[in-house]
């Protein structure tokens, strides 16, 4: 029996931890060259990524990340798309899209000035 990850896991996860329609302020997604639309997602202002530069020394970096269900997009998110996060009042640039094998992706973001 196949698991419907979007319905059974990702949707409920987003409804508990996500920002979006339930709060009244939606995250706005601005695809490069297309009309913007509202989405839901799980925002983390300081996601920590560990990079092993040297086996004896690791380097930690933090950056904003938006976890999203890929099924909510009109087209797959791409680098250079933009996202407005109402809880921070900031616009972010999608720097990288990291999909997993279950329909979820991390949008690695950069703050736009």
C-alpha atoms as a PDB file:
ATOM      1  CA  UNK A   1       0.000   0.000   0.000  1.00  0.00           C
ATOM      2  CA  UNK A   2       1.426   3.362  -1.047  1.00  0.00           C
ATOM      3  CA  UNK A   3       1.347   6.275   1.369  1.00  0.00           C
ATOM      4  CA  UNK A   4      -0.143   9.541   0.109  1.00  0.00           C
ATOM      5  CA  UNK A   5       2.528  11.727   1.760  1.00  0.00           C
ATOM      6  CA  UNK A   6       0.855  14.968   0.716  1.00  0.00           C
ATOM      7  CA  UNK A   7      -2.498  14.038   2.268  1.00  0.00           C
ATOM      8  CA  UNK A   8      -1.423  12.024   5.313  1.00  0.00           C
ATOM      9  CA  UNK A   9       1.796  13.736   6.405  1.00  0.00           C
ATOM     10  CA  UNK A  10       2.645  16.989   4.624  1.00  0.00           C
ATOM     11  CA  UNK A  11      -0.806  18.616   4.648  1.00  0.00           C
ATOM     12  CA  UNK A  12      -1.352  18.054   8.401  1.00  0.00           C
ATOM     13  CA  UNK A  13       2.214  19.168   9.164  1.00  0.00           C
ATOM     14  CA  UNK A  14       1.632  22.386   7.243  1.00  0.00           C
ATOM     15  CA  UNK A  15      -1.716  23.007   8.972  1.00  0.00           C
ATOM     16  CA  UNK A  16      -0.055  22.772  12.409  1.00  0.00           C
ATOM     17  CA  UNK A  17       3.277  24.527  11.815  1.00  0.00           C
ATOM     18  CA  UNK A  18       2.674  26.597   8.679  1.00  0.00           C
ATOM     19  CA  UNK A  19       2.000  30.244   8.079  1.00  0.00           C
ATOM     20  CA  UNK A  20      -0.760  31.128   5.696  1.00  0.00           C
ATOM     21  CA  UNK A  21      -4.498  31.348   5.309  1.00  0.00           C
ATOM     22  CA  UNK A  22      -5.392  30.299   8.867  1.00  0.00           C
ATOM     23  CA  UNK A  23      -3.630  33.393  10.273  1.00  0.00           C
ATOM     24  CA  UNK A  24      -5.339  35.738   7.830  1.00  0.00           C
ATOM     25  CA  UNK A  25      -2.031  36.802   6.291  1.00  0.00           C
ATOM     26  CA  UNK A  26      -0.855  34.607   3.456  1.00  0.00           C
ATOM     27  CA  UNK A  27       2.658  33.988   2.298  1.00  0.00           C
ATOM     28  CA  UNK A  28       2.854  35.429  -1.209  1.00  0.00           C
ATOM     29  CA  UNK A  29       4.819  33.584  -3.871  1.00  0.00           C
ATOM     30  CA  UNK A  30       6.145  35.623  -6.805  1.00  0.00           C
ATOM     31  CA  UNK A  31       7.290  33.304  -9.586  1.00  0.00           C
ATOM     32  CA  UNK A  32       9.843  34.908 -11.875  1.00  0.00           C
ATOM     33  CA  UNK A  33       7.896  36.259 -14.861  1.00  0.00           C
ATOM     34  CA  UNK A  34       4.419  35.168 -13.675  1.00  0.00           C
ATOM     35  CA  UNK A  35       1.567  36.468 -11.518  1.00  0.00           C
ATOM     36  CA  UNK A  36       1.941  36.117  -7.717  1.00  0.00           C
ATOM     37  CA  UNK A  37      -0.337  33.912  -5.616  1.00  0.00           C
ATOM     38  CA  UNK A  38      -0.850  32.947  -1.959  1.00  0.00           C
ATOM     39  CA  UNK A  39       0.747  29.790  -0.572  1.00  0.00           C
ATOM     40  CA  UNK A  40       1.212  28.102   2.794  1.00  0.00           C
ATOM     41  CA  UNK A  41       4.544  26.974   4.194  1.00  0.00           C
ATOM     42  CA  UNK A  42       6.663  26.430   7.292  1.00  0.00           C
ATOM     43  CA  UNK A  43       9.092  29.339   7.736  1.00  0.00           C
ATOM     44  CA  UNK A  44      12.343  29.093   9.683  1.00  0.00           C
ATOM     45  CA  UNK A  45      14.270  32.360   9.996  1.00  0.00           C
ATOM     46  CA  UNK A  46      17.512  30.680  11.068  1.00  0.00           C
ATOM     47  CA  UNK A  47      17.770  27.217   9.535  1.00  0.00           C
ATOM     48  CA  UNK A  48      21.151  25.740  10.389  1.00  0.00           C
ATOM     49  CA  UNK A  49      23.007  23.874   7.680  1.00  0.00           C
ATOM     50  CA  UNK A  50      26.168  22.007   8.618  1.00  0.00           C
ATOM     51  CA  UNK A  51      28.930  21.907   6.020  1.00  0.00           C
ATOM     52  CA  UNK A  52      31.865  19.593   6.593  1.00  0.00           C
ATOM     53  CA  UNK A  53      34.716  21.582   5.101  1.00  0.00           C
ATOM     54  CA  UNK A  54      37.337  19.573   6.939  1.00  0.00           C
ATOM     55  CA  UNK A  55      36.566  16.305   8.760  1.00  0.00           C
ATOM     56  CA  UNK A  56      38.062  17.813  11.916  1.00  0.00           C
ATOM     57  CA  UNK A  57      36.252  21.163  11.687  1.00  0.00           C
ATOM     58  CA  UNK A  58      32.635  21.747  10.690  1.00  0.00           C
ATOM     59  CA  UNK A  59      31.189  25.079   9.663  1.00  0.00           C
ATOM     60  CA  UNK A  60      27.654  26.120  10.546  1.00  0.00           C
ATOM     61  CA  UNK A  61      25.720  28.655   8.552  1.00  0.00           C
ATOM     62  CA  UNK A  62      22.189  29.895   9.058  1.00  0.00           C
ATOM     63  CA  UNK A  63      19.747  31.219   6.519  1.00  0.00           C
ATOM     64  CA  UNK A  64      15.998  31.651   6.180  1.00  0.00           C
ATOM     65  CA  UNK A  65      14.155  28.621   4.771  1.00  0.00           C
ATOM     66  CA  UNK A  66      10.571  28.003   3.727  1.00  0.00           C
ATOM     67  CA  UNK A  67       9.350  24.398   3.800  1.00  0.00           C
ATOM     68  CA  UNK A  68       6.596  23.860   1.236  1.00  0.00           C
ATOM     69  CA  UNK A  69       4.429  21.178  -0.329  1.00  0.00           C
ATOM     70  CA  UNK A  70       5.290  21.050  -4.023  1.00  0.00           C
ATOM     71  CA  UNK A  71       1.660  20.215  -4.877  1.00  0.00           C
ATOM     72  CA  UNK A  72       0.556  23.797  -4.049  1.00  0.00           C
ATOM     73  CA  UNK A  73       2.583  25.423  -6.845  1.00  0.00           C
ATOM     74  CA  UNK A  74       1.320  26.222 -10.331  1.00  0.00           C
ATOM     75  CA  UNK A  75       4.839  25.378 -11.590  1.00  0.00           C
ATOM     76  CA  UNK A  76       7.862  24.110  -9.692  1.00  0.00           C
ATOM     77  CA  UNK A  77       9.585  26.866  -7.682  1.00  0.00           C
ATOM     78  CA  UNK A  78      12.898  28.006  -9.131  1.00  0.00           C
ATOM     79  CA  UNK A  79      15.885  30.099  -8.066  1.00  0.00           C
ATOM     80  CA  UNK A  80      15.132  33.833  -8.533  1.00  0.00           C
ATOM     81  CA  UNK A  81      11.455  33.422  -7.581  1.00  0.00           C
ATOM     82  CA  UNK A  82      10.478  35.606  -4.626  1.00  0.00           C
ATOM     83  CA  UNK A  83       8.499  35.022  -1.428  1.00  0.00           C
ATOM     84  CA  UNK A  84       6.892  37.515   0.955  1.00  0.00           C
ATOM     85  CA  UNK A  85       6.660  36.273   4.577  1.00  0.00           C
ATOM     86  CA  UNK A  86       4.059  38.329   6.489  1.00  0.00           C
ATOM     87  CA  UNK A  87       5.336  37.374   9.966  1.00  0.00           C
ATOM     88  CA  UNK A  88       8.684  39.053   9.205  1.00  0.00           C
ATOM     89  CA  UNK A  89       7.454  41.717   6.794  1.00  0.00           C
ATOM     90  CA  UNK A  90      10.323  40.777   4.464  1.00  0.00           C
ATOM     91  CA  UNK A  91      10.623  39.801   0.830  1.00  0.00           C
ATOM     92  CA  UNK A  92      13.005  36.910   0.158  1.00  0.00           C
ATOM     93  CA  UNK A  93      14.751  35.638  -2.960  1.00  0.00           C
ATOM     94  CA  UNK A  94      14.695  31.883  -3.590  1.00  0.00           C
ATOM     95  CA  UNK A  95      18.359  30.946  -3.855  1.00  0.00           C
ATOM     96  CA  UNK A  96      17.979  27.188  -4.100  1.00  0.00           C
ATOM     97  CA  UNK A  97      15.174  24.608  -4.187  1.00  0.00           C
ATOM     98  CA  UNK A  98      15.848  21.341  -2.315  1.00  0.00           C
ATOM     99  CA  UNK A  99      13.052  18.832  -2.982  1.00  0.00           C
ATOM    100  CA  UNK A 100      12.803  15.546  -1.110  1.00  0.00           C
ATOM    101  CA  UNK A 101      11.327  12.310  -2.432  1.00  0.00           C
ATOM    102  CA  UNK A 102       7.951  12.771  -0.686  1.00  0.00           C
ATOM    103  CA  UNK A 103       6.612  15.998  -2.238  1.00  0.00           C
ATOM    104  CA  UNK A 104       8.182  18.509   0.173  1.00  0.00           C
ATOM    105  CA  UNK A 105      10.905  21.027  -0.611  1.00  0.00           C
ATOM    106  CA  UNK A 106      13.059  23.496   1.270  1.00  0.00           C
ATOM    107  CA  UNK A 107      13.255  26.861  -0.435  1.00  0.00           C
ATOM    108  CA  UNK A 108      16.630  28.236   0.649  1.00  0.00           C
ATOM    109  CA  UNK A 109      16.087  31.990   0.886  1.00  0.00           C
ATOM    110  CA  UNK A 110      18.065  35.198   0.929  1.00  0.00           C
ATOM    111  CA  UNK A 111      16.740  38.439   2.409  1.00  0.00           C
ATOM    112  CA  UNK A 112      16.122  41.109  -0.219  1.00  0.00           C
ATOM    113  CA  UNK A 113      17.152  44.623   0.745  1.00  0.00           C
END
